[in-house]
Amino acid sequence: MSQRIQFSQHGGPEVLEQVDVPVAAPGAGEVRVRNHAIGLNFIDTYYRSGLYAPPSLPSGLGTEGAGVVEALGEGVDDFEVGDRVAYATGPLGSYGEHHTLPARHLVKLPESVSFEQAASVMLKGLTTQYLLRQTYELKAGEIVLFHAAAGGVGSIACQWAKAIGAKLIGVVGSAEKAERAKSLGAWETIDRTQEDVVQRVFELTDGRKCPVVYDSVGKSSWDVSLDCVAPRGLLVSFGNASGAVTGVNLGVLAQKGSLYVTRPTLAGYATSAESLRAMAAELFEMIASGKIKVEIGQRYSLADAAEAQRQLAAGKTTGSTILLP
């Protein structure tokens, strides 16, 4: 038997329960991984709350982890038992001692990256990769705006943008988080609780505003973000921390300067094993070179997954949070 976290109904963190389940035998094209560390992400709370619908209930939770290959299904020839691997996409169920998933979602983990580092950085790091390198190819000298700059994705984005030579303005919710974002490479920070974000962006850009704004907050920051985008610029909405953006009036995009908006996901960029592994290779190289340092802010036991989600939703975490089975 193997322990996992699941939920049988939607709701708050209290609906999460730890149960014993049979160890699944991998099917054709699948791999069973014994997890050494598991990533915690905001998207996990979306499935738990019902914002996103799981395939069925009861449902496992989580899509990110790192560990060792324990068993191979028929037709899997690019991995071997004992391989160190990591994953950030695929079926729900990483919150457990084991996870069985299609081999195409796995990447081999170099010795230079630990299991804990991988579990804390795969989803956030791959998200940063596509945001800064594909959704909008960030260039040296450009001034961009990034909400939640001291959070999981933001912490990596500050470092990656600095490595590129871009000037990232980080929006944060406290003086402490502003200090953290600056220490990670943010060019400037804006404390949204004390400052007018739009006015500060106008001042910092000499009235030009930003060619791209990255917003994972969602509902509460949508209008602010639109007002920070330069004419014919891009608003990248990639999260719903404050609630989903709904009822969008496309006419507003015209009024504010013929703006573009996109709602990207990792699955939309890591569309094949080859694209996923190429993205991961770039991420791992950034870590190995020291350009990105992985900071794990919180560690919880698997049994404490509900409390970990409470802290995440309350904005009391910094950097990455992992669960240890």
C-alpha atoms as a PDB file:
ATOM      1  CA  MET A   1       0.000   0.000   0.000  1.00  0.00           C
ATOM      2  CA  SER A   2       1.003   3.621  -0.549  1.00  0.00           C
ATOM      3  CA  GLN A   3      -0.159   6.823   1.134  1.00  0.00           C
ATOM      4  CA  ARG A   4      -1.645   9.669  -0.853  1.00  0.00           C
ATOM      5  CA  ILE A   5      -3.643  12.848  -0.313  1.00  0.00           C
ATOM      6  CA  GLN A   6      -7.042  12.972  -2.007  1.00  0.00           C
ATOM      7  CA  PHE A   7     -10.363  14.813  -1.846  1.00  0.00           C
ATOM      8  CA  SER A   8     -13.892  13.485  -2.343  1.00  0.00           C
ATOM      9  CA  GLN A   9     -15.658  16.855  -2.503  1.00  0.00           C
ATOM     10  CA  HIS A  10     -14.687  20.413  -3.317  1.00  0.00           C
ATOM     11  CA  GLY A  11     -14.041  22.929  -0.587  1.00  0.00           C
ATOM     12  CA  GLY A  12     -11.316  24.376   1.608  1.00  0.00           C
ATOM     13  CA  PRO A  13      -8.136  22.626   2.752  1.00  0.00           C
ATOM     14  CA  GLU A  14     -10.174  20.645   5.260  1.00  0.00           C
ATOM     15  CA  VAL A  15     -11.508  18.389   2.461  1.00  0.00           C
ATOM     16  CA  LEU A  16      -8.030  16.900   1.952  1.00  0.00           C
ATOM     17  CA  GLU A  17      -7.588  13.453   3.482  1.00  0.00           C
ATOM     18  CA  GLN A  18      -4.684  11.028   3.704  1.00  0.00           C
ATOM     19  CA  VAL A  19      -5.543   7.501   2.610  1.00  0.00           C
ATOM     20  CA  ASP A  20      -3.843   4.196   1.823  1.00  0.00           C
ATOM     21  CA  VAL A  21      -4.129   3.067  -1.788  1.00  0.00           C
ATOM     22  CA  PRO A  22      -2.726   0.062  -3.677  1.00  0.00           C
ATOM     23  CA  VAL A  23       0.598   0.658  -5.414  1.00  0.00           C
ATOM     24  CA  ALA A  24      -0.366   1.049  -9.068  1.00  0.00           C
ATOM     25  CA  ALA A  25       1.354  -1.056 -11.704  1.00  0.00           C
ATOM     26  CA  PRO A  26       2.354   1.118 -14.653  1.00  0.00           C
ATOM     27  CA  GLY A  27       0.450   0.524 -17.866  1.00  0.00           C
ATOM     28  CA  ALA A  28       1.812   0.692 -21.384  1.00  0.00           C
ATOM     29  CA  GLY A  29       3.915   3.823 -21.823  1.00  0.00           C
ATOM     30  CA  GLU A  30       3.811   4.617 -18.101  1.00  0.00           C
ATOM     31  CA  VAL A  31       6.375   4.883 -15.320  1.00  0.00           C
ATOM     32  CA  ARG A  32       5.903   4.496 -11.571  1.00  0.00           C
ATOM     33  CA  VAL A  33       7.971   6.956  -9.550  1.00  0.00           C
ATOM     34  CA  ARG A  34       8.726   6.731  -5.837  1.00  0.00           C
ATOM     35  CA  ASN A  35       8.564  10.365  -4.803  1.00  0.00           C
ATOM     36  CA  HIS A  36      11.352  11.880  -2.738  1.00  0.00           C
ATOM     37  CA  ALA A  37       9.852  15.395  -2.775  1.00  0.00           C
ATOM     38  CA  ILE A  38       6.594  16.921  -4.014  1.00  0.00           C
ATOM     39  CA  GLY A  39       5.876  20.440  -5.233  1.00  0.00           C
ATOM     40  CA  LEU A  40       3.067  22.603  -3.850  1.00  0.00           C
ATOM     41  CA  ASN A  41       1.469  25.081  -6.261  1.00  0.00           C
ATOM     42  CA  PHE A  42      -1.478  27.458  -6.437  1.00  0.00           C
ATOM     43  CA  ILE A  43      -3.058  25.391  -9.205  1.00  0.00           C
ATOM     44  CA  ASP A  44      -3.497  22.587  -6.656  1.00  0.00           C
ATOM     45  CA  THR A  45      -5.900  24.801  -4.712  1.00  0.00           C
ATOM     46  CA  TYR A  46      -7.891  25.451  -7.903  1.00  0.00           C
ATOM     47  CA  TYR A  47      -8.609  21.735  -8.322  1.00  0.00           C
ATOM     48  CA  ARG A  48      -9.413  21.310  -4.636  1.00  0.00           C
ATOM     49  CA  SER A  49     -11.817  24.277  -4.580  1.00  0.00           C
ATOM     50  CA  GLY A  50     -13.577  23.327  -7.816  1.00  0.00           C
ATOM     51  CA  LEU A  51     -12.339  26.264  -9.921  1.00  0.00           C
ATOM     52  CA  TYR A  52     -10.804  23.580 -12.131  1.00  0.00           C
ATOM     53  CA  ALA A  53     -12.594  20.258 -12.512  1.00  0.00           C
ATOM     54  CA  PRO A  54     -10.683  17.002 -11.859  1.00  0.00           C
ATOM     55  CA  PRO A  55     -11.527  14.055 -14.130  1.00  0.00           C
ATOM     56  CA  SER A  56     -13.472  12.365 -11.312  1.00  0.00           C
ATOM     57  CA  LEU A  57     -13.946  12.228  -7.541  1.00  0.00           C
ATOM     58  CA  PRO A  58     -12.348  11.133  -5.312  1.00  0.00           C
ATOM     59  CA  SER A  59      -9.276  12.656  -6.891  1.00  0.00           C
ATOM     60  CA  GLY A  60      -5.584  12.820  -6.170  1.00  0.00           C
ATOM     61  CA  LEU A  61      -3.889  16.191  -6.224  1.00  0.00           C
ATOM     62  CA  GLY A  62      -0.721  17.754  -7.566  1.00  0.00           C
ATOM     63  CA  THR A  63       1.286  17.376 -10.775  1.00  0.00           C
ATOM     64  CA  GLU A  64       4.845  18.106  -9.624  1.00  0.00           C
ATOM     65  CA  GLY A  65       7.461  15.953  -7.959  1.00  0.00           C
ATOM     66  CA  ALA A  66      10.843  14.296  -8.122  1.00  0.00           C
ATOM     67  CA  GLY A  67      12.072  10.845  -7.254  1.00  0.00           C
ATOM     68  CA  VAL A  68      13.351   7.558  -8.583  1.00  0.00           C
ATOM     69  CA  VAL A  69      11.889   5.307 -11.271  1.00  0.00           C
ATOM     70  CA  GLU A  70      10.556   2.199  -9.539  1.00  0.00           C
ATOM     71  CA  ALA A  71       8.763   0.350 -12.362  1.00  0.00           C
ATOM     72  CA  LEU A  72       8.318   0.632 -16.124  1.00  0.00           C
ATOM     73  CA  GLY A  73       5.309  -0.128 -18.269  1.00  0.00           C
ATOM     74  CA  GLU A  74       5.404  -1.872 -21.616  1.00  0.00           C
ATOM     75  CA  GLY A  75       7.064   0.134 -24.377  1.00  0.00           C
ATOM     76  CA  VAL A  76       9.041   2.511 -22.164  1.00  0.00           C
ATOM     77  CA  ASP A  77      12.623   2.477 -23.419  1.00  0.00           C
ATOM     78  CA  ASP A  78      13.941   5.954 -22.565  1.00  0.00           C
ATOM     79  CA  PHE A  79      14.055   5.361 -18.791  1.00  0.00           C
ATOM     80  CA  GLU A  80      15.436   2.651 -16.541  1.00  0.00           C
ATOM     81  CA  VAL A  81      14.581   1.522 -13.017  1.00  0.00           C
ATOM     82  CA  GLY A  82      16.681   3.640 -10.660  1.00  0.00           C
ATOM     83  CA  ASP A  83      16.781   6.750 -12.865  1.00  0.00           C
ATOM     84  CA  ARG A  84      16.494  10.085 -11.064  1.00  0.00           C
ATOM     85  CA  VAL A  85      13.535  11.915 -12.601  1.00  0.00           C
ATOM     86  CA  ALA A  86      11.312  14.936 -12.165  1.00  0.00           C
ATOM     87  CA  TYR A  87       7.937  15.974 -13.561  1.00  0.00           C
ATOM     88  CA  ALA A  88       5.606  18.972 -13.580  1.00  0.00           C
ATOM     89  CA  THR A  89       2.806  17.941 -15.938  1.00  0.00           C
ATOM     90  CA  GLY A  90       0.564  14.941 -16.367  1.00  0.00           C
ATOM     91  CA  PRO A  91      -2.309  13.417 -14.389  1.00  0.00           C
ATOM     92  CA  LEU A  92      -3.190  14.580 -10.882  1.00  0.00           C
ATOM     93  CA  GLY A  93      -1.726  12.541  -8.057  1.00  0.00           C
ATOM     94  CA  SER A  94       1.756  13.714  -7.113  1.00  0.00           C
ATOM     95  CA  TYR A  95       0.670  14.250  -3.477  1.00  0.00           C
ATOM     96  CA  GLY A  96       1.655  10.722  -2.502  1.00  0.00           C
ATOM     97  CA  GLU A  97       4.465   8.312  -1.847  1.00  0.00           C
ATOM     98  CA  HIS A  98       4.175   7.053  -5.444  1.00  0.00           C
ATOM     99  CA  HIS A  99       2.955   8.531  -8.688  1.00  0.00           C
ATOM    100  CA  THR A 100       2.303   6.663 -11.930  1.00  0.00           C
ATOM    101  CA  LEU A 101       2.249   8.748 -15.078  1.00  0.00           C
ATOM    102  CA  PRO A 102       3.024   8.595 -18.810  1.00  0.00           C
ATOM    103  CA  ALA A 103       6.763   8.592 -19.545  1.00  0.00           C
ATOM    104  CA  ARG A 104       6.376  11.611 -21.853  1.00  0.00           C
ATOM    105  CA  HIS A 105       5.849  13.804 -18.769  1.00  0.00           C
ATOM    106  CA  LEU A 106       9.164  12.837 -17.161  1.00  0.00           C
ATOM    107  CA  VAL A 107      12.594  14.397 -17.506  1.00  0.00           C
ATOM    108  CA  LYS A 108      15.859  12.934 -16.282  1.00  0.00           C
ATOM    109  CA  LEU A 109      17.291  14.825 -13.349  1.00  0.00           C
ATOM    110  CA  PRO A 110      20.998  15.717 -13.468  1.00  0.00           C
ATOM    111  CA  GLU A 111      23.070  15.043 -10.363  1.00  0.00           C
ATOM    112  CA  SER A 112      23.630  18.793 -10.037  1.00  0.00           C
ATOM    113  CA  VAL A 113      19.958  19.252  -9.047  1.00  0.00           C
ATOM    114  CA  SER A 114      18.598  17.644  -5.863  1.00  0.00           C
ATOM    115  CA  PHE A 115      15.172  16.018  -5.533  1.00  0.00           C
ATOM    116  CA  GLU A 116      14.015  18.847  -3.272  1.00  0.00           C
ATOM    117  CA  GLN A 117      15.264  21.498  -5.676  1.00  0.00           C
ATOM    118  CA  ALA A 118      13.548  19.794  -8.606  1.00  0.00           C
ATOM    119  CA  ALA A 119      10.231  19.383  -6.782  1.00  0.00           C
ATOM    120  CA  SER A 120      10.315  23.023  -5.773  1.00  0.00           C
ATOM    121  CA  VAL A 121      11.307  24.421  -9.155  1.00  0.00           C
ATOM    122  CA  MET A 122       9.968  22.274 -11.992  1.00  0.00           C
ATOM    123  CA  LEU A 123       6.518  23.809 -12.441  1.00  0.00           C
ATOM    124  CA  LYS A 124       7.540  27.312 -11.425  1.00  0.00           C
ATOM    125  CA  GLY A 125      10.794  27.170 -13.385  1.00  0.00           C
ATOM    126  CA  LEU A 126       9.232  25.774 -16.549  1.00  0.00           C
ATOM    127  CA  THR A 127       6.479  28.381 -16.223  1.00  0.00           C
ATOM    128  CA  THR A 128       9.126  31.096 -16.000  1.00  0.00           C
ATOM    129  CA  GLN A 129      10.904  29.612 -19.004  1.00  0.00           C
ATOM    130  CA  TYR A 130       7.890  29.835 -21.281  1.00  0.00           C
ATOM    131  CA  LEU A 131       6.818  33.238 -19.903  1.00  0.00           C
ATOM    132  CA  LEU A 132      10.167  34.961 -20.438  1.00  0.00           C
ATOM    133  CA  ARG A 133      11.512  32.936 -23.356  1.00  0.00           C
ATOM    134  CA  GLN A 134       8.453  31.982 -25.419  1.00  0.00           C
ATOM    135  CA  THR A 135       5.211  33.824 -24.578  1.00  0.00           C
ATOM    136  CA  TYR A 136       7.227  37.016 -24.825  1.00  0.00           C
ATOM    137  CA  GLU A 137      10.933  36.745 -25.612  1.00  0.00           C
ATOM    138  CA  LEU A 138      12.371  39.130 -23.074  1.00  0.00           C
ATOM    139  CA  LYS A 139      15.323  41.224 -24.234  1.00  0.00           C
ATOM    140  CA  ALA A 140      18.100  43.056 -22.418  1.00  0.00           C
ATOM    141  CA  GLY A 141      17.156  46.566 -21.382  1.00  0.00           C
ATOM    142  CA  GLU A 142      13.378  46.099 -21.546  1.00  0.00           C
ATOM    143  CA  ILE A 143      11.331  47.227 -18.544  1.00  0.00           C
ATOM    144  CA  VAL A 144       8.598  44.758 -17.620  1.00  0.00           C
ATOM    145  CA  LEU A 145       6.106  44.388 -14.775  1.00  0.00           C
ATOM    146  CA  PHE A 146       5.715  41.174 -12.784  1.00  0.00           C
ATOM    147  CA  HIS A 147       3.051  40.712 -10.106  1.00  0.00           C
ATOM    148  CA  ALA A 148       3.731  38.589  -6.994  1.00  0.00           C
ATOM    149  CA  ALA A 149       7.453  39.017  -7.559  1.00  0.00           C
ATOM    150  CA  ALA A 150       8.390  37.442  -4.220  1.00  0.00           C
ATOM    151  CA  GLY A 151       6.295  34.314  -4.774  1.00  0.00           C
ATOM    152  CA  GLY A 152       7.281  30.994  -6.290  1.00  0.00           C
ATOM    153  CA  VAL A 153       7.287  31.934  -9.972  1.00  0.00           C
ATOM    154  CA  GLY A 154       8.198  35.541  -9.244  1.00  0.00           C
ATOM    155  CA  SER A 155      11.301  34.553  -7.296  1.00  0.00           C
ATOM    156  CA  ILE A 156      12.623  32.693 -10.317  1.00  0.00           C
ATOM    157  CA  ALA A 157      11.479  35.359 -12.776  1.00  0.00           C
ATOM    158  CA  CYS A 158      13.434  38.060 -10.924  1.00  0.00           C
ATOM    159  CA  GLN A 159      16.619  36.027 -11.299  1.00  0.00           C
ATOM    160  CA  TRP A 160      15.998  34.968 -14.907  1.00  0.00           C
ATOM    161  CA  ALA A 161      15.149  38.504 -16.025  1.00  0.00           C
ATOM    162  CA  LYS A 162      18.326  39.823 -14.405  1.00  0.00           C
ATOM    163  CA  ALA A 163      20.360  37.127 -16.177  1.00  0.00           C
ATOM    164  CA  ILE A 164      18.861  38.262 -19.499  1.00  0.00           C
ATOM    165  CA  GLY A 165      19.639  41.894 -18.679  1.00  0.00           C
ATOM    166  CA  ALA A 166      16.013  43.003 -18.512  1.00  0.00           C
ATOM    167  CA  LYS A 167      14.657  45.420 -15.891  1.00  0.00           C
ATOM    168  CA  LEU A 168      11.903  43.708 -13.925  1.00  0.00           C
ATOM    169  CA  ILE A 169       9.587  45.819 -11.781  1.00  0.00           C
ATOM    170  CA  GLY A 170       8.194  43.520  -9.106  1.00  0.00           C
ATOM    171  CA  VAL A 171       4.789  44.143  -7.550  1.00  0.00           C
ATOM    172  CA  VAL A 172       4.651  42.850  -3.965  1.00  0.00           C
ATOM    173  CA  GLY A 173       2.410  43.053  -0.903  1.00  0.00           C
ATOM    174  CA  SER A 174       4.800  44.129   1.856  1.00  0.00           C
ATOM    175  CA  ALA A 175       8.104  45.826   2.565  1.00  0.00           C
ATOM    176  CA  GLU A 176       9.629  42.461   3.432  1.00  0.00           C
ATOM    177  CA  LYS A 177       8.595  40.994   0.091  1.00  0.00           C
ATOM    178  CA  ALA A 178       9.926  44.067  -1.696  1.00  0.00           C
ATOM    179  CA  GLU A 179      13.298  43.518  -0.067  1.00  0.00           C
ATOM    180  CA  ARG A 180      13.228  39.864  -1.066  1.00  0.00           C
ATOM    181  CA  ALA A 181      12.397  40.627  -4.713  1.00  0.00           C
ATOM    182  CA  LYS A 182      15.207  43.198  -4.900  1.00  0.00           C
ATOM    183  CA  SER A 183      17.669  40.691  -3.422  1.00  0.00           C
ATOM    184  CA  LEU A 184      16.713  38.219  -6.161  1.00  0.00           C
ATOM    185  CA  GLY A 185      17.331  40.659  -8.985  1.00  0.00           C
ATOM    186  CA  ALA A 186      14.265  42.858  -9.386  1.00  0.00           C
ATOM    187  CA  TRP A 187      15.283  46.230 -10.852  1.00  0.00           C
ATOM    188  CA  GLU A 188      12.619  48.077  -8.843  1.00  0.00           C
ATOM    189  CA  THR A 189       9.684  47.055  -6.652  1.00  0.00           C
ATOM    190  CA  ILE A 190       6.217  48.456  -5.972  1.00  0.00           C
ATOM    191  CA  ASP A 191       4.423  47.723  -2.702  1.00  0.00           C
ATOM    192  CA  ARG A 192       0.807  47.614  -3.860  1.00  0.00           C
ATOM    193  CA  THR A 193      -0.416  48.148  -0.273  1.00  0.00           C
ATOM    194  CA  GLN A 194       1.416  51.477  -0.006  1.00  0.00           C
ATOM    195  CA  GLU A 195       1.840  52.752  -3.562  1.00  0.00           C
ATOM    196  CA  ASP A 196      -0.226  53.398  -6.671  1.00  0.00           C
ATOM    197  CA  VAL A 197       1.038  50.697  -9.044  1.00  0.00           C
ATOM    198  CA  VAL A 198      -0.032  52.440 -12.254  1.00  0.00           C
ATOM    199  CA  GLN A 199       1.467  55.780 -11.221  1.00  0.00           C
ATOM    200  CA  ARG A 200       4.775  54.186 -10.187  1.00  0.00           C
ATOM    201  CA  VAL A 201       5.019  52.274 -13.469  1.00  0.00           C
ATOM    202  CA  PHE A 202       4.379  55.519 -15.339  1.00  0.00           C
ATOM    203  CA  GLU A 203       7.192  57.194 -13.376  1.00  0.00           C
ATOM    204  CA  LEU A 204       9.668  54.324 -13.701  1.00  0.00           C
ATOM    205  CA  THR A 205       9.163  54.069 -17.469  1.00  0.00           C
ATOM    206  CA  ASP A 206       9.116  57.829 -18.165  1.00  0.00           C
ATOM    207  CA  GLY A 207       5.499  57.479 -19.250  1.00  0.00           C
ATOM    208  CA  ARG A 208       6.100  54.689 -21.765  1.00  0.00           C
ATOM    209  CA  LYS A 209       4.657  51.870 -19.604  1.00  0.00           C
ATOM    210  CA  CYS A 210       5.679  48.242 -20.200  1.00  0.00           C
ATOM    211  CA  PRO A 211       5.764  46.156 -23.387  1.00  0.00           C
ATOM    212  CA  VAL A 212       4.671  43.146 -21.318  1.00  0.00           C
ATOM    213  CA  VAL A 213       2.961  42.700 -17.942  1.00  0.00           C
ATOM    214  CA  TYR A 214       2.919  39.303 -16.216  1.00  0.00           C
ATOM    215  CA  ASP A 215      -0.070  38.789 -13.910  1.00  0.00           C
ATOM    216  CA  SER A 216      -0.726  35.668 -11.837  1.00  0.00           C
ATOM    217  CA  VAL A 217      -3.008  37.458  -9.355  1.00  0.00           C
ATOM    218  CA  GLY A 218      -6.054  37.627 -11.605  1.00  0.00           C
ATOM    219  CA  LYS A 219      -9.313  39.327 -10.684  1.00  0.00           C
ATOM    220  CA  SER A 220      -8.046  41.992  -8.270  1.00  0.00           C
ATOM    221  CA  SER A 221      -5.149  43.161 -10.453  1.00  0.00           C
ATOM    222  CA  TRP A 222      -6.676  42.865 -13.931  1.00  0.00           C
ATOM    223  CA  ASP A 223      -7.559  46.545 -14.414  1.00  0.00           C
ATOM    224  CA  VAL A 224      -4.271  47.707 -12.906  1.00  0.00           C
ATOM    225  CA  SER A 225      -2.331  45.443 -15.247  1.00  0.00           C
ATOM    226  CA  LEU A 226      -4.149  46.716 -18.319  1.00  0.00           C
ATOM    227  CA  ASP A 227      -3.246  50.283 -17.352  1.00  0.00           C
ATOM    228  CA  CYS A 228       0.452  49.352 -17.133  1.00  0.00           C
ATOM    229  CA  VAL A 229       0.750  47.899 -20.661  1.00  0.00           C
ATOM    230  CA  ALA A 230       2.234  50.091 -23.382  1.00  0.00           C
ATOM    231  CA  PRO A 231       0.244  50.577 -26.606  1.00  0.00           C
ATOM    232  CA  ARG A 232       0.219  47.366 -28.650  1.00  0.00           C
ATOM    233  CA  GLY A 233       1.828  45.631 -25.676  1.00  0.00           C
ATOM    234  CA  LEU A 234       0.984  42.267 -24.134  1.00  0.00           C
ATOM    235  CA  LEU A 235      -0.767  41.334 -20.894  1.00  0.00           C
ATOM    236  CA  VAL A 236       0.115  37.778 -19.852  1.00  0.00           C
ATOM    237  CA  SER A 237      -2.525  36.508 -17.411  1.00  0.00           C
ATOM    238  CA  PHE A 238      -1.244  33.196 -16.055  1.00  0.00           C
ATOM    239  CA  GLY A 239      -2.932  32.718 -12.693  1.00  0.00           C
ATOM    240  CA  ASN A 240      -5.977  33.361 -10.514  1.00  0.00           C
ATOM    241  CA  ALA A 241      -4.649  33.881  -6.991  1.00  0.00           C
ATOM    242  CA  SER A 242      -7.370  36.447  -6.230  1.00  0.00           C
ATOM    243  CA  GLY A 243     -10.056  34.779  -8.346  1.00  0.00           C
ATOM    244  CA  ALA A 244     -10.686  34.202 -12.035  1.00  0.00           C
ATOM    245  CA  VAL A 245     -10.878  37.043 -14.546  1.00  0.00           C
ATOM    246  CA  THR A 246     -14.368  36.928 -16.081  1.00  0.00           C
ATOM    247  CA  GLY A 247     -16.575  39.105 -18.257  1.00  0.00           C
ATOM    248  CA  VAL A 248     -13.700  40.598 -20.233  1.00  0.00           C
ATOM    249  CA  ASN A 249     -14.781  43.433 -22.507  1.00  0.00           C
ATOM    250  CA  LEU A 250     -12.599  43.231 -25.603  1.00  0.00           C
ATOM    251  CA  GLY A 251     -13.383  46.862 -26.367  1.00  0.00           C
ATOM    252  CA  VAL A 252     -11.230  47.836 -23.388  1.00  0.00           C
ATOM    253  CA  LEU A 253      -8.199  46.475 -25.238  1.00  0.00           C
ATOM    254  CA  ALA A 254      -8.870  48.932 -28.044  1.00  0.00           C
ATOM    255  CA  GLN A 255      -9.423  51.851 -25.686  1.00  0.00           C
ATOM    256  CA  LYS A 256      -6.150  51.236 -23.848  1.00  0.00           C
ATOM    257  CA  GLY A 257      -3.965  51.081 -26.948  1.00  0.00           C
ATOM    258  CA  SER A 258      -4.732  48.051 -29.142  1.00  0.00           C
ATOM    259  CA  LEU A 259      -3.453  45.693 -26.473  1.00  0.00           C
ATOM    260  CA  TYR A 260      -2.872  41.957 -26.698  1.00  0.00           C
ATOM    261  CA  VAL A 261      -3.857  39.487 -23.969  1.00  0.00           C
ATOM    262  CA  THR A 262      -2.938  35.821 -23.578  1.00  0.00           C
ATOM    263  CA  ARG A 263      -3.795  33.153 -21.025  1.00  0.00           C
ATOM    264  CA  PRO A 264      -0.949  30.628 -21.369  1.00  0.00           C
ATOM    265  CA  THR A 265      -0.437  27.313 -19.599  1.00  0.00           C
ATOM    266  CA  LEU A 266       2.552  25.015 -19.314  1.00  0.00           C
ATOM    267  CA  ALA A 267       0.622  22.286 -21.130  1.00  0.00           C
ATOM    268  CA  GLY A 268       0.216  24.648 -24.064  1.00  0.00           C
ATOM    269  CA  TYR A 269       3.987  24.994 -24.405  1.00  0.00           C
ATOM    270  CA  ALA A 270       5.281  21.586 -23.279  1.00  0.00           C
ATOM    271  CA  THR A 271       3.260  19.882 -25.981  1.00  0.00           C
ATOM    272  CA  SER A 272       5.592  16.922 -26.483  1.00  0.00           C
ATOM    273  CA  ALA A 273       8.303  15.014 -24.646  1.00  0.00           C
ATOM    274  CA  GLU A 274      10.877  16.797 -26.793  1.00  0.00           C
ATOM    275  CA  SER A 275       9.632  20.319 -26.037  1.00  0.00           C
ATOM    276  CA  LEU A 276       9.306  19.535 -22.317  1.00  0.00           C
ATOM    277  CA  ARG A 277      12.829  18.154 -22.087  1.00  0.00           C
ATOM    278  CA  ALA A 278      14.286  21.097 -24.036  1.00  0.00           C
ATOM    279  CA  MET A 279      12.618  23.541 -21.645  1.00  0.00           C
ATOM    280  CA  ALA A 280      13.819  21.549 -18.627  1.00  0.00           C
ATOM    281  CA  ALA A 281      17.366  21.416 -20.002  1.00  0.00           C
ATOM    282  CA  GLU A 282      17.463  25.212 -20.194  1.00  0.00           C
ATOM    283  CA  LEU A 283      16.092  25.477 -16.648  1.00  0.00           C
ATOM    284  CA  PHE A 284      18.611  22.995 -15.248  1.00  0.00           C
ATOM    285  CA  GLU A 285      21.442  24.851 -17.000  1.00  0.00           C
ATOM    286  CA  MET A 286      20.346  28.113 -15.383  1.00  0.00           C
ATOM    287  CA  ILE A 287      20.458  26.385 -11.991  1.00  0.00           C
ATOM    288  CA  ALA A 288      23.795  24.669 -12.637  1.00  0.00           C
ATOM    289  CA  SER A 289      25.374  27.955 -13.746  1.00  0.00           C
ATOM    290  CA  GLY A 290      24.237  29.688 -10.572  1.00  0.00           C
ATOM    291  CA  LYS A 291      22.115  32.221 -12.452  1.00  0.00           C
ATOM    292  CA  ILE A 292      19.063  30.834 -10.673  1.00  0.00           C
ATOM    293  CA  LYS A 293      19.269  29.828  -7.034  1.00  0.00           C
ATOM    294  CA  VAL A 294      16.459  27.651  -5.723  1.00  0.00           C
ATOM    295  CA  GLU A 295      15.232  28.692  -2.306  1.00  0.00           C
ATOM    296  CA  ILE A 296      12.853  26.376  -0.482  1.00  0.00           C
ATOM    297  CA  GLY A 297      10.971  28.563   1.948  1.00  0.00           C
ATOM    298  CA  GLN A 298       8.829  25.881   3.567  1.00  0.00           C
ATOM    299  CA  ARG A 299       8.874  22.115   4.023  1.00  0.00           C
ATOM    300  CA  TYR A 300       5.835  20.145   5.220  1.00  0.00           C
ATOM    301  CA  SER A 301       5.204  16.460   5.707  1.00  0.00           C
ATOM    302  CA  LEU A 302       2.735  14.899   3.283  1.00  0.00           C
ATOM    303  CA  ALA A 303       0.259  14.533   6.165  1.00  0.00           C
ATOM    304  CA  ASP A 304       0.308  18.333   6.614  1.00  0.00           C
ATOM    305  CA  ALA A 305      -0.686  19.136   3.022  1.00  0.00           C
ATOM    306  CA  ALA A 306      -3.864  20.934   4.152  1.00  0.00           C
ATOM    307  CA  GLU A 307      -1.923  23.297   6.415  1.00  0.00           C
ATOM    308  CA  ALA A 308       0.602  23.917   3.642  1.00  0.00           C
ATOM    309  CA  GLN A 309      -2.230  24.966   1.329  1.00  0.00           C
ATOM    310  CA  ARG A 310      -3.695  27.255   4.005  1.00  0.00           C
ATOM    311  CA  GLN A 311      -0.395  29.068   4.349  1.00  0.00           C
ATOM    312  CA  LEU A 312       0.000  29.339   0.573  1.00  0.00           C
ATOM    313  CA  ALA A 313      -3.509  30.746   0.077  1.00  0.00           C
ATOM    314  CA  ALA A 314      -3.003  33.229   2.911  1.00  0.00           C
ATOM    315  CA  GLY A 315       0.096  34.629   1.221  1.00  0.00           C
ATOM    316  CA  LYS A 316       2.298  33.641   4.145  1.00  0.00           C
ATOM    317  CA  THR A 317       4.830  31.653   2.126  1.00  0.00           C
ATOM    318  CA  THR A 318       7.938  32.872   0.348  1.00  0.00           C
ATOM    319  CA  GLY A 319       9.731  31.121  -2.479  1.00  0.00           C
ATOM    320  CA  SER A 320       8.837  27.468  -2.930  1.00  0.00           C
ATOM    321  CA  THR A 321       7.009  25.041  -0.659  1.00  0.00           C
ATOM    322  CA  ILE A 322       7.509  21.285  -0.827  1.00  0.00           C
ATOM    323  CA  LEU A 323       5.876  18.237   0.731  1.00  0.00           C
ATOM    324  CA  LEU A 324       8.011  15.328   1.932  1.00  0.00           C
ATOM    325  CA  PRO A 325       6.498  11.826   1.810  1.00  0.00           C
END
